N, C-alpha and C. Protein backbone atom coordinates (compact mmCIF):
# COMPACT_ATOMS: atom_id res chain seq x y z
N MET A 1 73.20 91.28 114.09
CA MET A 1 73.17 90.49 112.86
C MET A 1 74.22 89.39 112.91
N PHE A 2 73.80 88.17 112.59
CA PHE A 2 74.71 87.03 112.54
C PHE A 2 74.74 86.56 111.09
N ILE A 3 75.93 86.54 110.50
CA ILE A 3 75.99 86.32 109.06
C ILE A 3 77.08 85.31 108.72
N GLU A 4 76.72 84.27 107.98
CA GLU A 4 77.71 83.25 107.57
C GLU A 4 78.33 83.67 106.24
N ILE A 5 79.66 83.70 106.21
CA ILE A 5 80.37 84.07 104.97
C ILE A 5 81.35 82.94 104.64
N ASN A 6 81.43 82.60 103.37
CA ASN A 6 82.33 81.53 102.93
C ASN A 6 83.79 81.96 103.16
N PRO A 7 84.55 81.19 103.99
CA PRO A 7 85.92 81.61 104.32
C PRO A 7 86.89 81.54 103.14
N ASP A 8 86.57 80.70 102.14
CA ASP A 8 87.49 80.55 100.99
C ASP A 8 87.13 81.51 99.86
N ASN A 9 85.84 81.76 99.73
CA ASN A 9 85.39 82.60 98.63
C ASN A 9 84.28 83.52 99.14
N PRO A 10 84.65 84.59 99.88
CA PRO A 10 83.63 85.44 100.51
C PRO A 10 82.67 86.04 99.49
N GLN A 11 81.36 85.92 99.78
CA GLN A 11 80.35 86.46 98.86
C GLN A 11 80.37 87.99 98.89
N LYS A 12 80.56 88.59 97.73
CA LYS A 12 80.73 90.05 97.63
C LYS A 12 79.53 90.79 98.25
N ARG A 13 78.34 90.27 98.01
CA ARG A 13 77.13 90.92 98.51
C ARG A 13 77.14 91.00 100.05
N LEU A 14 77.60 89.91 100.67
CA LEU A 14 77.63 89.88 102.14
C LEU A 14 78.74 90.78 102.69
N ILE A 15 79.88 90.80 101.99
CA ILE A 15 80.98 91.69 102.39
C ILE A 15 80.49 93.14 102.34
N SER A 16 79.77 93.50 101.27
CA SER A 16 79.25 94.88 101.13
C SER A 16 78.30 95.23 102.27
N GLN A 17 77.50 94.26 102.68
CA GLN A 17 76.56 94.46 103.79
C GLN A 17 77.31 94.82 105.08
N ILE A 18 78.39 94.07 105.35
CA ILE A 18 79.19 94.31 106.56
C ILE A 18 79.93 95.65 106.45
N VAL A 19 80.44 95.96 105.26
CA VAL A 19 81.16 97.23 105.06
C VAL A 19 80.23 98.42 105.31
N ASP A 20 78.96 98.30 104.91
CA ASP A 20 77.98 99.36 105.19
C ASP A 20 77.86 99.59 106.70
N ILE A 21 77.86 98.49 107.46
CA ILE A 21 77.78 98.60 108.93
C ILE A 21 79.02 99.31 109.47
N LEU A 22 80.21 98.96 108.94
CA LEU A 22 81.45 99.61 109.38
C LEU A 22 81.42 101.11 109.05
N ARG A 23 80.94 101.44 107.86
CA ARG A 23 80.89 102.86 107.44
C ARG A 23 79.96 103.67 108.33
N GLN A 24 78.96 103.00 108.90
CA GLN A 24 78.02 103.71 109.77
C GLN A 24 78.50 103.73 111.23
N GLY A 25 79.75 103.33 111.45
CA GLY A 25 80.30 103.36 112.81
C GLY A 25 80.00 102.11 113.61
N GLY A 26 79.67 101.02 112.91
CA GLY A 26 79.35 99.77 113.60
C GLY A 26 80.60 99.02 114.07
N VAL A 27 80.39 98.14 115.05
CA VAL A 27 81.45 97.26 115.57
C VAL A 27 81.10 95.84 115.15
N ILE A 28 82.10 95.11 114.65
CA ILE A 28 81.84 93.76 114.16
C ILE A 28 82.80 92.74 114.79
N ALA A 29 82.41 91.48 114.74
CA ALA A 29 83.31 90.38 115.07
C ALA A 29 83.55 89.61 113.77
N TYR A 30 84.81 89.23 113.52
CA TYR A 30 85.15 88.62 112.23
C TYR A 30 86.30 87.63 112.42
N PRO A 31 86.41 86.64 111.51
CA PRO A 31 87.50 85.67 111.64
C PRO A 31 88.82 86.21 111.10
N THR A 32 89.93 85.77 111.69
CA THR A 32 91.26 86.05 111.12
C THR A 32 91.99 84.70 111.03
N ASP A 33 93.29 84.74 110.74
CA ASP A 33 94.05 83.49 110.68
C ASP A 33 94.59 83.09 112.06
N THR A 34 94.20 83.85 113.09
CA THR A 34 94.63 83.51 114.46
C THR A 34 93.38 83.36 115.34
N TYR A 35 92.81 84.49 115.78
CA TYR A 35 91.60 84.49 116.60
C TYR A 35 90.42 85.03 115.80
N TYR A 36 89.23 84.95 116.39
CA TYR A 36 88.15 85.82 115.94
C TYR A 36 88.51 87.21 116.48
N GLY A 37 88.30 88.22 115.66
CA GLY A 37 88.64 89.57 116.07
C GLY A 37 87.40 90.42 116.26
N ILE A 38 87.58 91.51 117.02
CA ILE A 38 86.53 92.52 117.15
C ILE A 38 87.12 93.79 116.56
N GLY A 39 86.33 94.49 115.75
CA GLY A 39 86.91 95.67 115.14
C GLY A 39 85.90 96.65 114.58
N CYS A 40 86.45 97.73 114.04
CA CYS A 40 85.64 98.79 113.44
C CYS A 40 86.53 99.53 112.46
N ASP A 41 85.97 100.51 111.78
CA ASP A 41 86.73 101.35 110.86
C ASP A 41 87.71 102.20 111.68
N ILE A 42 88.99 102.15 111.30
CA ILE A 42 90.03 102.89 112.05
C ILE A 42 89.80 104.41 112.01
N MET A 43 89.01 104.87 111.05
CA MET A 43 88.79 106.32 110.92
C MET A 43 87.57 106.80 111.71
N ASN A 44 86.92 105.89 112.46
CA ASN A 44 85.73 106.30 113.20
C ASN A 44 86.01 106.30 114.70
N LYS A 45 86.23 107.51 115.24
CA LYS A 45 86.66 107.65 116.64
C LYS A 45 85.63 107.08 117.63
N LYS A 46 84.35 107.35 117.35
CA LYS A 46 83.30 106.85 118.27
C LYS A 46 83.28 105.33 118.30
N ALA A 47 83.45 104.73 117.12
CA ALA A 47 83.45 103.26 117.04
C ALA A 47 84.67 102.70 117.78
N ILE A 48 85.82 103.36 117.66
CA ILE A 48 87.02 102.91 118.37
C ILE A 48 86.76 102.95 119.87
N GLU A 49 86.12 104.02 120.35
CA GLU A 49 85.83 104.13 121.79
C GLU A 49 84.90 103.00 122.25
N LYS A 50 83.96 102.61 121.37
CA LYS A 50 83.06 101.50 121.69
C LYS A 50 83.86 100.20 121.88
N VAL A 51 84.86 100.00 121.01
CA VAL A 51 85.67 98.77 121.10
C VAL A 51 86.47 98.78 122.41
N TYR A 52 87.01 99.96 122.79
CA TYR A 52 87.72 100.06 124.08
C TYR A 52 86.80 99.68 125.24
N GLN A 53 85.56 100.15 125.18
CA GLN A 53 84.60 99.81 126.26
C GLN A 53 84.30 98.32 126.29
N LEU A 54 84.06 97.74 125.11
CA LEU A 54 83.76 96.31 125.02
C LEU A 54 84.88 95.47 125.62
N LYS A 55 86.13 95.88 125.32
CA LYS A 55 87.28 95.12 125.77
C LYS A 55 87.74 95.53 127.18
N GLN A 56 87.10 96.57 127.73
CA GLN A 56 87.50 97.12 129.03
C GLN A 56 89.02 97.35 129.06
N ARG A 57 89.46 98.07 128.06
CA ARG A 57 90.90 98.24 127.86
C ARG A 57 91.32 99.69 128.08
N ASP A 58 92.50 99.86 128.65
CA ASP A 58 93.07 101.17 128.91
C ASP A 58 93.37 101.86 127.57
N LYS A 59 92.96 103.13 127.45
CA LYS A 59 93.16 103.84 126.18
C LYS A 59 94.63 104.11 125.87
N LYS A 60 95.48 103.88 126.87
CA LYS A 60 96.92 104.08 126.61
C LYS A 60 97.50 102.87 125.86
N LYS A 61 96.68 101.83 125.70
CA LYS A 61 97.15 100.63 124.98
C LYS A 61 96.44 100.55 123.63
N PRO A 62 97.09 101.02 122.59
CA PRO A 62 96.42 101.03 121.28
C PRO A 62 96.20 99.61 120.75
N PHE A 63 95.17 99.47 119.92
CA PHE A 63 94.92 98.20 119.25
C PHE A 63 95.77 98.12 117.98
N SER A 64 96.01 96.91 117.51
CA SER A 64 96.63 96.78 116.19
C SER A 64 95.52 96.91 115.14
N PHE A 65 95.90 96.99 113.88
CA PHE A 65 94.88 97.09 112.84
C PHE A 65 95.29 96.32 111.60
N ILE A 66 94.27 96.01 110.79
CA ILE A 66 94.47 95.16 109.62
C ILE A 66 94.53 96.01 108.36
N CYS A 67 95.57 95.79 107.56
CA CYS A 67 95.67 96.40 106.24
C CYS A 67 95.43 95.30 105.21
N SER A 68 95.15 95.71 103.97
CA SER A 68 94.81 94.70 102.95
C SER A 68 96.05 94.14 102.25
N GLY A 69 97.20 94.79 102.44
CA GLY A 69 98.42 94.30 101.79
C GLY A 69 99.56 95.26 102.02
N LEU A 70 100.72 94.95 101.45
CA LEU A 70 101.92 95.77 101.68
C LEU A 70 101.75 97.20 101.17
N LYS A 71 101.11 97.33 100.02
CA LYS A 71 100.92 98.67 99.44
C LYS A 71 100.09 99.52 100.41
N ASN A 72 99.07 98.90 100.98
CA ASN A 72 98.19 99.56 101.94
C ASN A 72 98.96 99.94 103.21
N ILE A 73 99.84 99.05 103.68
CA ILE A 73 100.63 99.32 104.90
C ILE A 73 101.43 100.60 104.73
N SER A 74 102.01 100.80 103.54
CA SER A 74 102.89 101.97 103.37
C SER A 74 102.15 103.30 103.47
N ASN A 75 100.81 103.28 103.41
CA ASN A 75 100.03 104.51 103.68
C ASN A 75 99.98 104.82 105.17
N TYR A 76 100.06 103.79 105.98
CA TYR A 76 99.81 103.96 107.42
C TYR A 76 101.06 103.80 108.29
N ALA A 77 102.18 103.44 107.67
CA ALA A 77 103.41 103.26 108.45
C ALA A 77 104.61 103.63 107.60
N LYS A 78 105.71 103.96 108.29
CA LYS A 78 106.96 104.24 107.58
C LYS A 78 107.64 102.89 107.33
N VAL A 79 107.73 102.54 106.05
CA VAL A 79 108.24 101.21 105.69
C VAL A 79 109.58 101.36 104.97
N SER A 80 110.65 100.90 105.62
CA SER A 80 111.98 100.94 105.00
C SER A 80 112.09 99.79 104.00
N ASN A 81 113.17 99.79 103.21
CA ASN A 81 113.40 98.67 102.27
C ASN A 81 113.49 97.35 103.03
N TYR A 82 114.21 97.40 104.16
CA TYR A 82 114.37 96.16 104.95
C TYR A 82 113.01 95.66 105.44
N ALA A 83 112.20 96.58 105.98
CA ALA A 83 110.88 96.18 106.51
C ALA A 83 110.01 95.64 105.37
N TYR A 84 110.09 96.29 104.21
CA TYR A 84 109.27 95.86 103.07
C TYR A 84 109.64 94.43 102.66
N LYS A 85 110.94 94.18 102.51
CA LYS A 85 111.40 92.84 102.08
C LYS A 85 111.00 91.78 103.11
N THR A 86 111.16 92.14 104.38
CA THR A 86 110.84 91.19 105.45
C THR A 86 109.35 90.84 105.43
N MET A 87 108.52 91.87 105.37
CA MET A 87 107.07 91.64 105.40
C MET A 87 106.60 90.92 104.13
N LYS A 88 107.26 91.21 103.02
CA LYS A 88 106.87 90.55 101.76
C LYS A 88 107.04 89.04 101.86
N ARG A 89 108.07 88.61 102.60
CA ARG A 89 108.32 87.17 102.76
C ARG A 89 107.26 86.49 103.63
N LEU A 90 106.68 87.24 104.58
CA LEU A 90 105.84 86.61 105.61
C LEU A 90 104.35 86.91 105.50
N LEU A 91 103.98 87.91 104.71
CA LEU A 91 102.56 88.29 104.67
C LEU A 91 101.91 87.88 103.36
N PRO A 92 100.61 87.57 103.33
CA PRO A 92 99.74 87.52 104.52
C PRO A 92 100.10 86.34 105.42
N GLY A 93 99.93 86.54 106.72
CA GLY A 93 100.25 85.48 107.68
C GLY A 93 100.00 85.92 109.10
N PRO A 94 100.25 85.02 110.08
CA PRO A 94 99.88 85.28 111.47
C PRO A 94 100.91 86.13 112.24
N TYR A 95 101.21 87.30 111.69
CA TYR A 95 102.21 88.19 112.29
C TYR A 95 101.61 89.57 112.52
N THR A 96 102.04 90.21 113.61
CA THR A 96 101.75 91.63 113.84
C THR A 96 103.08 92.34 113.78
N PHE A 97 103.23 93.29 112.86
CA PHE A 97 104.49 94.04 112.75
C PHE A 97 104.33 95.41 113.39
N VAL A 98 105.29 95.76 114.24
CA VAL A 98 105.27 97.07 114.89
C VAL A 98 106.18 98.00 114.09
N LEU A 99 105.58 99.07 113.59
CA LEU A 99 106.29 100.04 112.75
C LEU A 99 105.94 101.44 113.21
N GLU A 100 106.72 102.41 112.77
CA GLU A 100 106.38 103.80 113.11
C GLU A 100 105.16 104.21 112.28
N GLY A 101 104.11 104.68 112.96
CA GLY A 101 102.87 105.04 112.27
C GLY A 101 103.02 106.32 111.47
N SER A 102 102.25 106.43 110.39
CA SER A 102 102.26 107.65 109.59
C SER A 102 101.20 108.61 110.15
N LYS A 103 101.14 109.80 109.54
CA LYS A 103 100.17 110.81 110.02
C LYS A 103 98.72 110.40 109.77
N LEU A 104 98.51 109.42 108.89
CA LEU A 104 97.15 108.97 108.59
C LEU A 104 96.53 108.19 109.75
N VAL A 105 97.38 107.65 110.63
CA VAL A 105 96.86 106.83 111.73
C VAL A 105 96.33 107.74 112.83
N PRO A 106 95.07 107.56 113.24
CA PRO A 106 94.53 108.39 114.32
C PRO A 106 95.39 108.27 115.59
N LYS A 107 95.52 109.41 116.32
CA LYS A 107 96.39 109.44 117.51
C LYS A 107 96.08 108.33 118.51
N ILE A 108 94.80 107.99 118.65
CA ILE A 108 94.38 106.98 119.63
C ILE A 108 94.95 105.60 119.28
N MET A 109 95.43 105.45 118.03
CA MET A 109 95.91 104.15 117.57
C MET A 109 97.42 103.99 117.59
N VAL A 110 98.13 105.02 118.06
CA VAL A 110 99.60 104.88 118.13
C VAL A 110 100.07 104.99 119.57
N THR A 111 101.20 104.34 119.85
CA THR A 111 101.76 104.37 121.21
C THR A 111 102.45 105.71 121.44
N LYS A 112 102.93 105.90 122.66
CA LYS A 112 103.69 107.12 122.97
C LYS A 112 104.89 107.27 122.05
N ARG A 113 105.44 106.11 121.66
CA ARG A 113 106.62 106.15 120.78
C ARG A 113 106.22 106.28 119.31
N LYS A 114 104.95 106.57 119.05
CA LYS A 114 104.43 106.79 117.69
C LYS A 114 104.44 105.51 116.84
N SER A 115 104.45 104.35 117.51
CA SER A 115 104.44 103.12 116.72
C SER A 115 103.05 102.52 116.67
N ALA A 116 102.85 101.65 115.68
CA ALA A 116 101.54 101.00 115.48
C ALA A 116 101.75 99.53 115.15
N GLY A 117 100.80 98.70 115.57
CA GLY A 117 100.86 97.27 115.25
C GLY A 117 99.98 97.00 114.05
N ILE A 118 100.56 96.39 113.02
CA ILE A 118 99.84 96.21 111.76
C ILE A 118 99.82 94.74 111.36
N ARG A 119 98.64 94.28 110.90
CA ARG A 119 98.46 92.89 110.48
C ARG A 119 97.95 92.81 109.04
N VAL A 120 98.37 91.76 108.33
CA VAL A 120 97.74 91.37 107.06
C VAL A 120 97.48 89.87 107.20
N PRO A 121 96.32 89.50 107.79
CA PRO A 121 96.08 88.08 108.07
C PRO A 121 95.84 87.27 106.79
N ASP A 122 96.17 86.00 106.87
CA ASP A 122 95.91 85.09 105.75
C ASP A 122 94.47 84.60 105.89
N ASN A 123 93.54 85.52 105.72
CA ASN A 123 92.12 85.19 105.83
C ASN A 123 91.35 86.03 104.81
N ALA A 124 90.69 85.34 103.89
CA ALA A 124 90.05 86.02 102.76
C ALA A 124 88.94 86.97 103.20
N ILE A 125 88.24 86.63 104.31
CA ILE A 125 87.11 87.47 104.74
C ILE A 125 87.60 88.84 105.22
N CYS A 126 88.58 88.84 106.15
CA CYS A 126 88.97 90.17 106.67
C CYS A 126 89.71 90.99 105.62
N LEU A 127 90.45 90.34 104.72
CA LEU A 127 91.12 91.12 103.67
C LEU A 127 90.09 91.73 102.71
N ALA A 128 89.02 90.98 102.41
CA ALA A 128 87.96 91.52 101.54
C ALA A 128 87.26 92.71 102.19
N LEU A 129 87.06 92.64 103.51
CA LEU A 129 86.41 93.75 104.23
C LEU A 129 87.24 95.03 104.14
N VAL A 130 88.54 94.90 104.42
CA VAL A 130 89.44 96.07 104.43
C VAL A 130 89.55 96.65 103.01
N GLU A 131 89.66 95.75 102.05
CA GLU A 131 89.76 96.16 100.64
C GLU A 131 88.54 97.00 100.24
N GLU A 132 87.36 96.50 100.56
CA GLU A 132 86.14 97.21 100.14
C GLU A 132 85.91 98.48 100.96
N LEU A 133 86.23 98.44 102.25
CA LEU A 133 86.05 99.62 103.11
C LEU A 133 86.98 100.76 102.67
N GLY A 134 88.19 100.39 102.28
CA GLY A 134 89.15 101.41 101.86
C GLY A 134 89.97 101.97 103.01
N ASN A 135 89.69 101.54 104.23
CA ASN A 135 90.45 101.93 105.43
C ASN A 135 90.82 100.65 106.19
N PRO A 136 91.86 100.71 107.02
CA PRO A 136 92.14 99.57 107.89
C PRO A 136 91.01 99.35 108.90
N VAL A 137 90.97 98.14 109.44
CA VAL A 137 89.99 97.78 110.47
C VAL A 137 90.75 97.41 111.73
N ILE A 138 90.27 97.89 112.87
CA ILE A 138 90.90 97.55 114.15
C ILE A 138 90.87 96.05 114.36
N SER A 139 91.92 95.55 114.99
CA SER A 139 91.98 94.11 115.27
C SER A 139 92.33 93.87 116.73
N THR A 140 91.38 93.32 117.48
CA THR A 140 91.65 92.90 118.85
C THR A 140 90.90 91.59 119.05
N SER A 141 91.49 90.67 119.80
CA SER A 141 90.87 89.35 119.89
C SER A 141 89.52 89.39 120.60
N ALA A 142 88.59 88.57 120.11
CA ALA A 142 87.25 88.48 120.72
C ALA A 142 87.36 87.59 121.95
N THR A 143 87.56 88.22 123.10
CA THR A 143 87.70 87.47 124.35
C THR A 143 86.78 88.06 125.41
N MET A 144 86.52 87.25 126.44
CA MET A 144 85.81 87.78 127.60
C MET A 144 86.79 88.65 128.39
N PRO A 145 86.28 89.50 129.30
CA PRO A 145 87.18 90.35 130.08
C PRO A 145 88.24 89.54 130.85
N ASP A 146 87.95 88.27 131.19
CA ASP A 146 88.95 87.47 131.93
C ASP A 146 89.95 86.80 130.99
N GLY A 147 89.83 87.08 129.67
CA GLY A 147 90.80 86.53 128.73
C GLY A 147 90.35 85.24 128.06
N THR A 148 89.19 84.69 128.47
CA THR A 148 88.69 83.47 127.83
C THR A 148 88.45 83.72 126.35
N ILE A 149 88.97 82.80 125.52
CA ILE A 149 88.92 82.99 124.06
C ILE A 149 87.69 82.31 123.47
N PHE A 150 87.03 83.02 122.58
CA PHE A 150 85.91 82.43 121.83
C PHE A 150 86.46 81.82 120.55
N ASP A 151 86.22 80.52 120.34
CA ASP A 151 86.70 79.93 119.09
C ASP A 151 85.53 79.65 118.14
N ASP A 152 84.37 80.15 118.51
CA ASP A 152 83.18 79.88 117.71
C ASP A 152 82.33 81.15 117.64
N ALA A 153 81.93 81.51 116.42
CA ALA A 153 81.20 82.77 116.22
C ALA A 153 79.89 82.82 117.00
N SER A 154 79.21 81.68 117.16
CA SER A 154 77.91 81.72 117.85
C SER A 154 78.07 82.06 119.33
N PHE A 155 79.22 81.66 119.94
CA PHE A 155 79.48 82.03 121.34
C PHE A 155 79.69 83.55 121.46
N ILE A 156 80.36 84.12 120.45
CA ILE A 156 80.59 85.58 120.45
C ILE A 156 79.25 86.29 120.39
N GLN A 157 78.38 85.80 119.50
CA GLN A 157 77.04 86.38 119.35
C GLN A 157 76.27 86.32 120.67
N ASP A 158 76.34 85.16 121.34
CA ASP A 158 75.62 84.99 122.62
C ASP A 158 76.17 85.92 123.69
N PHE A 159 77.52 86.04 123.74
CA PHE A 159 78.14 86.81 124.82
C PHE A 159 77.95 88.32 124.63
N PHE A 160 78.24 88.82 123.43
CA PHE A 160 78.19 90.27 123.20
C PHE A 160 76.81 90.75 122.80
N SER A 161 76.03 89.85 122.17
CA SER A 161 74.65 90.14 121.83
C SER A 161 74.50 91.51 121.16
N SER A 162 73.67 92.39 121.70
CA SER A 162 73.38 93.67 121.02
C SER A 162 74.53 94.68 121.11
N ARG A 163 75.60 94.35 121.86
CA ARG A 163 76.72 95.31 121.97
C ARG A 163 77.59 95.30 120.71
N ILE A 164 77.39 94.28 119.87
CA ILE A 164 78.12 94.21 118.59
C ILE A 164 77.09 94.26 117.47
N ASP A 165 77.40 95.02 116.42
CA ASP A 165 76.41 95.22 115.34
C ASP A 165 76.33 94.05 114.37
N ALA A 166 77.43 93.32 114.20
CA ALA A 166 77.40 92.16 113.30
C ALA A 166 78.47 91.15 113.72
N VAL A 167 78.11 89.88 113.65
CA VAL A 167 79.08 88.81 113.89
C VAL A 167 79.16 87.98 112.62
N ILE A 168 80.38 87.84 112.08
CA ILE A 168 80.58 87.03 110.88
C ILE A 168 81.00 85.63 111.31
N ASP A 169 80.26 84.64 110.84
CA ASP A 169 80.68 83.26 111.06
C ASP A 169 81.48 82.83 109.84
N GLY A 170 82.79 82.67 110.05
CA GLY A 170 83.66 82.26 108.94
C GLY A 170 84.32 80.93 109.23
N GLY A 171 83.63 80.10 110.03
CA GLY A 171 84.18 78.78 110.34
C GLY A 171 85.16 78.81 111.51
N THR A 172 85.84 77.69 111.73
CA THR A 172 86.76 77.62 112.88
C THR A 172 88.08 78.30 112.55
N VAL A 173 88.69 78.87 113.58
CA VAL A 173 90.00 79.52 113.43
C VAL A 173 90.94 78.89 114.47
N PRO A 174 92.28 79.07 114.32
CA PRO A 174 93.21 78.38 115.23
C PRO A 174 93.10 78.79 116.70
N SER A 175 92.59 80.00 116.97
CA SER A 175 92.50 80.52 118.35
C SER A 175 93.85 80.51 119.06
N GLN A 176 94.87 80.97 118.33
CA GLN A 176 96.20 81.16 118.90
C GLN A 176 96.67 82.56 118.52
N PRO A 177 97.53 83.17 119.35
CA PRO A 177 97.94 84.55 119.04
C PRO A 177 98.91 84.65 117.87
N SER A 178 98.97 85.84 117.28
CA SER A 178 99.97 86.10 116.24
C SER A 178 101.33 86.31 116.91
N SER A 179 102.39 86.17 116.13
CA SER A 179 103.72 86.57 116.61
C SER A 179 103.84 88.08 116.41
N ILE A 180 104.40 88.77 117.40
CA ILE A 180 104.57 90.23 117.28
C ILE A 180 106.05 90.54 117.08
N ILE A 181 106.35 91.24 115.99
CA ILE A 181 107.75 91.56 115.68
C ILE A 181 107.88 93.06 115.44
N SER A 182 108.77 93.69 116.19
CA SER A 182 109.04 95.11 115.96
C SER A 182 110.10 95.22 114.87
N LEU A 183 109.82 96.07 113.88
CA LEU A 183 110.81 96.34 112.82
C LEU A 183 111.26 97.80 112.87
N GLU A 184 111.05 98.44 114.02
CA GLU A 184 111.43 99.85 114.14
C GLU A 184 112.93 100.01 114.00
N LYS A 185 113.32 101.06 113.29
CA LYS A 185 114.73 101.39 113.05
C LYS A 185 115.50 100.21 112.44
N ASP A 186 114.79 99.34 111.72
CA ASP A 186 115.40 98.17 111.06
C ASP A 186 116.14 97.25 112.03
N MET A 187 115.70 97.28 113.29
CA MET A 187 116.29 96.38 114.28
C MET A 187 115.21 95.41 114.75
N PRO A 188 115.10 94.24 114.08
CA PRO A 188 114.01 93.33 114.40
C PRO A 188 114.09 92.79 115.82
N GLU A 189 112.91 92.78 116.46
CA GLU A 189 112.85 92.25 117.83
C GLU A 189 111.53 91.49 117.97
N VAL A 190 111.63 90.23 118.40
CA VAL A 190 110.43 89.42 118.61
C VAL A 190 109.85 89.79 119.98
N LEU A 191 108.67 90.43 119.97
CA LEU A 191 108.03 90.88 121.22
C LEU A 191 107.12 89.80 121.79
N ARG A 192 106.62 88.91 120.91
CA ARG A 192 105.80 87.78 121.37
C ARG A 192 105.90 86.67 120.35
N LYS A 193 106.17 85.47 120.84
CA LYS A 193 106.17 84.31 119.95
C LYS A 193 104.78 83.72 119.94
N GLY A 194 104.16 83.69 118.77
CA GLY A 194 102.85 83.09 118.64
C GLY A 194 102.87 82.17 117.44
N MET A 195 101.81 82.22 116.65
CA MET A 195 101.81 81.45 115.40
C MET A 195 102.81 82.06 114.43
N GLY A 196 103.27 81.27 113.50
CA GLY A 196 104.20 81.78 112.49
C GLY A 196 105.65 81.58 112.92
N ASP A 197 106.50 81.29 111.96
CA ASP A 197 107.92 81.02 112.24
C ASP A 197 108.65 82.35 112.44
N VAL A 198 109.33 82.49 113.58
CA VAL A 198 110.07 83.74 113.84
C VAL A 198 111.58 83.50 113.83
N SER A 199 112.00 82.31 113.35
CA SER A 199 113.43 81.93 113.43
C SER A 199 114.33 82.89 112.65
N ILE A 200 113.78 83.55 111.61
CA ILE A 200 114.65 84.46 110.85
C ILE A 200 115.04 85.70 111.66
N PHE A 201 114.35 85.94 112.76
CA PHE A 201 114.64 87.13 113.59
C PHE A 201 115.51 86.78 114.80
N GLU A 202 115.83 85.52 114.97
CA GLU A 202 116.54 85.13 116.20
C GLU A 202 118.00 84.85 115.98
């Protein structure tokens, strides 16, 4: 299914259609404020395994996931006062924050050190999806196995074809990576400089 959704004002009916696909264990491609992402419901183990296969990725490397906001993050990660204040200043935005995962996060989604990468992108479509689904959605960039980035939804549809259950066309996205910042133990560390200002951590 290829579906156009308004990036500024996502149509509720279309969001519900995509959420039904996620609830049934479907894998989707969707826009974020950085790349087009590929994802599924974080609570569906079979769907997560499908995403690992699509990305040809080692299961020891967990994916990050999208929450709908700070309140939602605190269900899935241990958020200190410092982490809360820091994230409040920067989210929604092009950042991935590494925090200690809570027990709600499936084991396949946390690293050996029990940490998880969490995003709240500044993109109305993916936030509406997570909000309606009620669970976070996995977030990994829609790329070819050689790392080539798709900046257009129709190319994703052509490349993945029937291996993805739905592709959302939400217009053009920057096609640049997020900045990754670890806030574990309240000791901020910039793990990757991407989009977004990281000067407050340096």
